[in-house]
């Protein structure tokens, strides 16, 4: 087997290994942003911008790199496949997608697992802002910590997976218990 094809396959495996963490962090941060939004928020450009800013605040630092690296691995896998053989790029796309879905299905974690990542990162930011005497950011980070503690308390032990972007569309703004009640039905 040519080196580029082996390399492409290795990238596909790396993408598949990283996919559950990548998707879980991204989906969880978007979900948290939506449930922390005001309950009377309307679905418009301003609200969508608010959700993106909240998600960026939750994923700041190395957490935001995980989905980026996963995407880079996928595209690198496809490109390396095309450089090997014209048909190998197409094959690597399907191999990556299949491996990613299977690994996510069998090794995906509950929402409380990803909430712990977000919470730990926020705790680190609180310490950094406190050390830098940045009162405004410190207050915002402490508020996020309190919100995350409350959400973790609600969803701890529920074994629910984070809602996907499609599932999140039905989730109302500001409703902390919706996903818990929706999945219980």
Protein backbone atom coordinates (compact mmCIF):
# COMPACT_ATOMS: atom_id res chain seq x y z
CA UNK A 1 0.00 0.00 0.00
CA UNK A 2 1.48 3.40 -0.96
CA UNK A 3 2.69 5.67 1.82
CA UNK A 4 0.18 8.45 1.08
CA UNK A 5 -2.70 6.01 1.26
CA UNK A 6 -1.44 4.70 4.62
CA UNK A 7 -0.98 8.26 5.83
CA UNK A 8 -4.50 9.13 4.69
CA UNK A 9 -5.90 6.15 6.54
CA UNK A 10 -3.99 7.16 9.69
CA UNK A 11 -5.50 10.65 9.43
CA UNK A 12 -8.96 9.10 9.04
CA UNK A 13 -8.43 7.09 12.24
CA UNK A 14 -7.15 10.19 14.08
CA UNK A 15 -10.22 12.12 12.93
CA UNK A 16 -12.50 9.32 14.11
CA UNK A 17 -10.80 9.19 17.52
CA UNK A 18 -11.19 12.95 17.99
CA UNK A 19 -14.74 13.18 16.61
CA UNK A 20 -16.70 12.29 19.79
CA UNK A 21 -14.83 14.91 21.83
CA UNK A 22 -15.04 17.49 19.05
CA UNK A 23 -18.75 17.08 18.39
CA UNK A 24 -19.55 16.68 22.08
CA UNK A 25 -17.82 19.91 23.08
CA UNK A 26 -19.27 21.85 20.15
CA UNK A 27 -22.84 20.55 20.65
CA UNK A 28 -22.70 20.99 24.43
CA UNK A 29 -21.40 24.55 24.24
CA UNK A 30 -24.09 25.51 21.71
CA UNK A 31 -26.76 23.86 23.88
CA UNK A 32 -25.53 25.66 27.02
CA UNK A 33 -25.57 28.95 25.12
CA UNK A 34 -29.17 28.38 24.11
CA UNK A 35 -30.41 27.39 27.57
CA UNK A 36 -28.63 30.37 29.14
CA UNK A 37 -30.32 32.77 26.71
CA UNK A 38 -33.32 34.74 27.97
CA UNK A 39 -36.53 32.66 27.76
CA UNK A 40 -38.30 35.40 25.79
CA UNK A 41 -35.58 35.56 23.09
CA UNK A 42 -36.81 35.48 19.53
CA UNK A 43 -35.13 33.51 16.76
CA UNK A 44 -33.44 36.31 14.81
CA UNK A 45 -29.96 37.47 13.77
CA UNK A 46 -29.31 39.22 17.08
CA UNK A 47 -30.12 36.10 19.08
CA UNK A 48 -28.00 33.91 16.81
CA UNK A 49 -25.11 36.35 17.27
CA UNK A 50 -25.65 36.24 21.05
CA UNK A 51 -25.49 32.42 20.95
CA UNK A 52 -22.26 32.49 18.94
CA UNK A 53 -20.64 34.89 21.42
CA UNK A 54 -21.73 32.75 24.36
CA UNK A 55 -20.44 29.62 22.67
CA UNK A 56 -17.13 31.34 21.93
CA UNK A 57 -16.86 32.40 25.57
CA UNK A 58 -17.47 28.83 26.72
CA UNK A 59 -15.03 27.30 24.23
CA UNK A 60 -12.24 29.88 24.57
CA UNK A 61 -8.72 28.46 24.65
CA UNK A 62 -7.71 24.93 23.77
CA UNK A 63 -11.33 23.71 23.74
CA UNK A 64 -12.01 25.73 20.60
CA UNK A 65 -9.09 23.99 18.88
CA UNK A 66 -10.56 20.50 19.22
CA UNK A 67 -13.31 20.91 16.55
CA UNK A 68 -10.85 22.82 14.35
CA UNK A 69 -8.23 20.07 14.55
CA UNK A 70 -10.86 17.42 13.85
CA UNK A 71 -11.90 19.25 10.68
CA UNK A 72 -8.27 19.71 9.62
CA UNK A 73 -7.69 15.97 10.05
CA UNK A 74 -10.72 15.16 7.90
CA UNK A 75 -9.70 17.47 5.06
CA UNK A 76 -6.06 16.37 5.27
CA UNK A 77 -7.19 12.75 5.03
CA UNK A 78 -9.18 13.46 1.89
CA UNK A 79 -6.40 15.52 0.29
CA UNK A 80 -3.75 12.86 1.06
CA UNK A 81 -6.08 10.27 -0.45
CA UNK A 82 -6.45 12.30 -3.65
CA UNK A 83 -2.69 12.77 -3.84
CA UNK A 84 -2.28 9.00 -3.64
CA UNK A 85 -4.96 8.02 -6.19
CA UNK A 86 -7.90 9.90 -7.65
CA UNK A 87 -10.35 7.40 -6.14
CA UNK A 88 -8.64 7.24 -2.73
CA UNK A 89 -9.83 10.73 -1.75
CA UNK A 90 -13.44 9.72 -2.28
CA UNK A 91 -12.84 6.45 -0.46
CA UNK A 92 -11.18 8.26 2.48
CA UNK A 93 -14.16 10.59 2.74
CA UNK A 94 -16.48 7.62 3.20
CA UNK A 95 -14.03 5.79 5.47
CA UNK A 96 -13.65 8.88 7.68
CA UNK A 97 -17.38 9.50 7.82
CA UNK A 98 -18.16 5.87 8.63
CA UNK A 99 -15.44 5.59 11.27
CA UNK A 100 -16.50 8.93 12.78
CA UNK A 101 -20.13 7.90 13.07
CA UNK A 102 -19.29 4.49 14.53
CA UNK A 103 -16.81 5.85 17.07
CA UNK A 104 -19.21 8.64 18.08
CA UNK A 105 -22.05 6.16 18.43
CA UNK A 106 -20.11 3.71 20.60
CA UNK A 107 -17.73 6.02 22.44
CA UNK A 108 -19.72 9.26 22.71
CA UNK A 109 -20.08 10.51 26.27
CA UNK A 110 -22.92 12.03 28.24
CA UNK A 111 -23.53 15.74 28.37
CA UNK A 112 -22.22 15.89 31.95
CA UNK A 113 -18.80 14.72 30.70
CA UNK A 114 -18.53 17.65 28.30
CA UNK A 115 -19.99 20.07 30.85
CA UNK A 116 -17.12 19.13 33.16
CA UNK A 117 -14.62 20.20 30.45
CA UNK A 118 -16.37 23.53 30.03
CA UNK A 119 -16.59 24.06 33.78
CA UNK A 120 -12.93 23.22 34.40
CA UNK A 121 -11.82 25.60 31.66
CA UNK A 122 -14.03 28.33 33.13
CA UNK A 123 -12.55 27.76 36.61
CA UNK A 124 -9.07 28.21 35.12
CA UNK A 125 -10.18 31.44 33.50
CA UNK A 126 -11.56 32.72 36.80
CA UNK A 127 -8.13 32.19 38.36
CA UNK A 128 -6.41 33.91 35.43
CA UNK A 129 -8.76 36.91 35.54
CA UNK A 130 -8.40 37.17 39.29
CA UNK A 131 -4.60 37.15 38.96
CA UNK A 132 -4.76 39.83 36.24
CA UNK A 133 -7.21 41.98 38.26
CA UNK A 134 -9.65 41.99 35.34
CA UNK A 135 -12.88 42.63 37.27
CA UNK A 136 -15.28 42.66 34.31
CA UNK A 137 -14.10 39.35 32.85
CA UNK A 138 -13.82 37.86 36.34
CA UNK A 139 -17.46 38.66 37.02
CA UNK A 140 -18.56 37.16 33.69
CA UNK A 141 -16.48 34.00 34.21
CA UNK A 142 -17.82 33.56 37.76
CA UNK A 143 -21.36 33.94 36.42
CA UNK A 144 -20.67 31.23 33.83
CA UNK A 145 -19.26 29.01 36.59
CA UNK A 146 -22.45 29.38 38.65
CA UNK A 147 -24.59 28.65 35.59
CA UNK A 148 -22.50 25.60 34.68
CA UNK A 149 -22.66 24.31 38.27
CA UNK A 150 -26.44 24.54 38.14
CA UNK A 151 -26.63 22.76 34.77
CA UNK A 152 -24.19 20.06 35.90
CA UNK A 153 -26.32 19.53 39.01
CA UNK A 154 -29.43 19.03 36.85
CA UNK A 155 -27.87 16.69 34.30
CA UNK A 156 -25.37 14.76 36.43
CA UNK A 157 -26.09 11.06 36.14
CA UNK A 158 -28.72 11.51 33.41
CA UNK A 159 -26.56 9.73 30.77
CA UNK A 160 -28.04 12.01 28.09
CA UNK A 161 -25.94 12.79 25.07
CA UNK A 162 -25.64 16.45 24.03
CA UNK A 163 -28.32 17.54 21.57
CA UNK A 164 -27.19 17.80 17.97
CA UNK A 165 -27.71 21.01 16.01
CA UNK A 166 -30.87 19.52 14.50
CA UNK A 167 -32.25 18.50 17.91
CA UNK A 168 -31.30 21.87 19.36
CA UNK A 169 -33.66 23.68 16.99
CA UNK A 170 -36.63 22.36 18.98
CA UNK A 171 -35.10 23.35 22.31
CA UNK A 172 -36.67 26.59 23.60
CA UNK A 173 -34.47 29.45 24.75
CA UNK A 174 -33.77 29.61 28.48
CA UNK A 175 -35.33 26.26 29.40
CA UNK A 176 -32.77 24.42 31.55
CA UNK A 177 -34.86 21.27 31.97
CA UNK A 178 -36.17 20.86 28.43
CA UNK A 179 -33.56 18.34 27.27
CA UNK A 180 -33.99 16.33 30.45
CA UNK A 181 -37.78 16.27 30.10
CA UNK A 182 -37.72 15.79 26.31
CA UNK A 183 -35.48 12.73 26.49
CA UNK A 184 -37.51 11.26 29.36
CA UNK A 185 -40.59 11.03 27.08
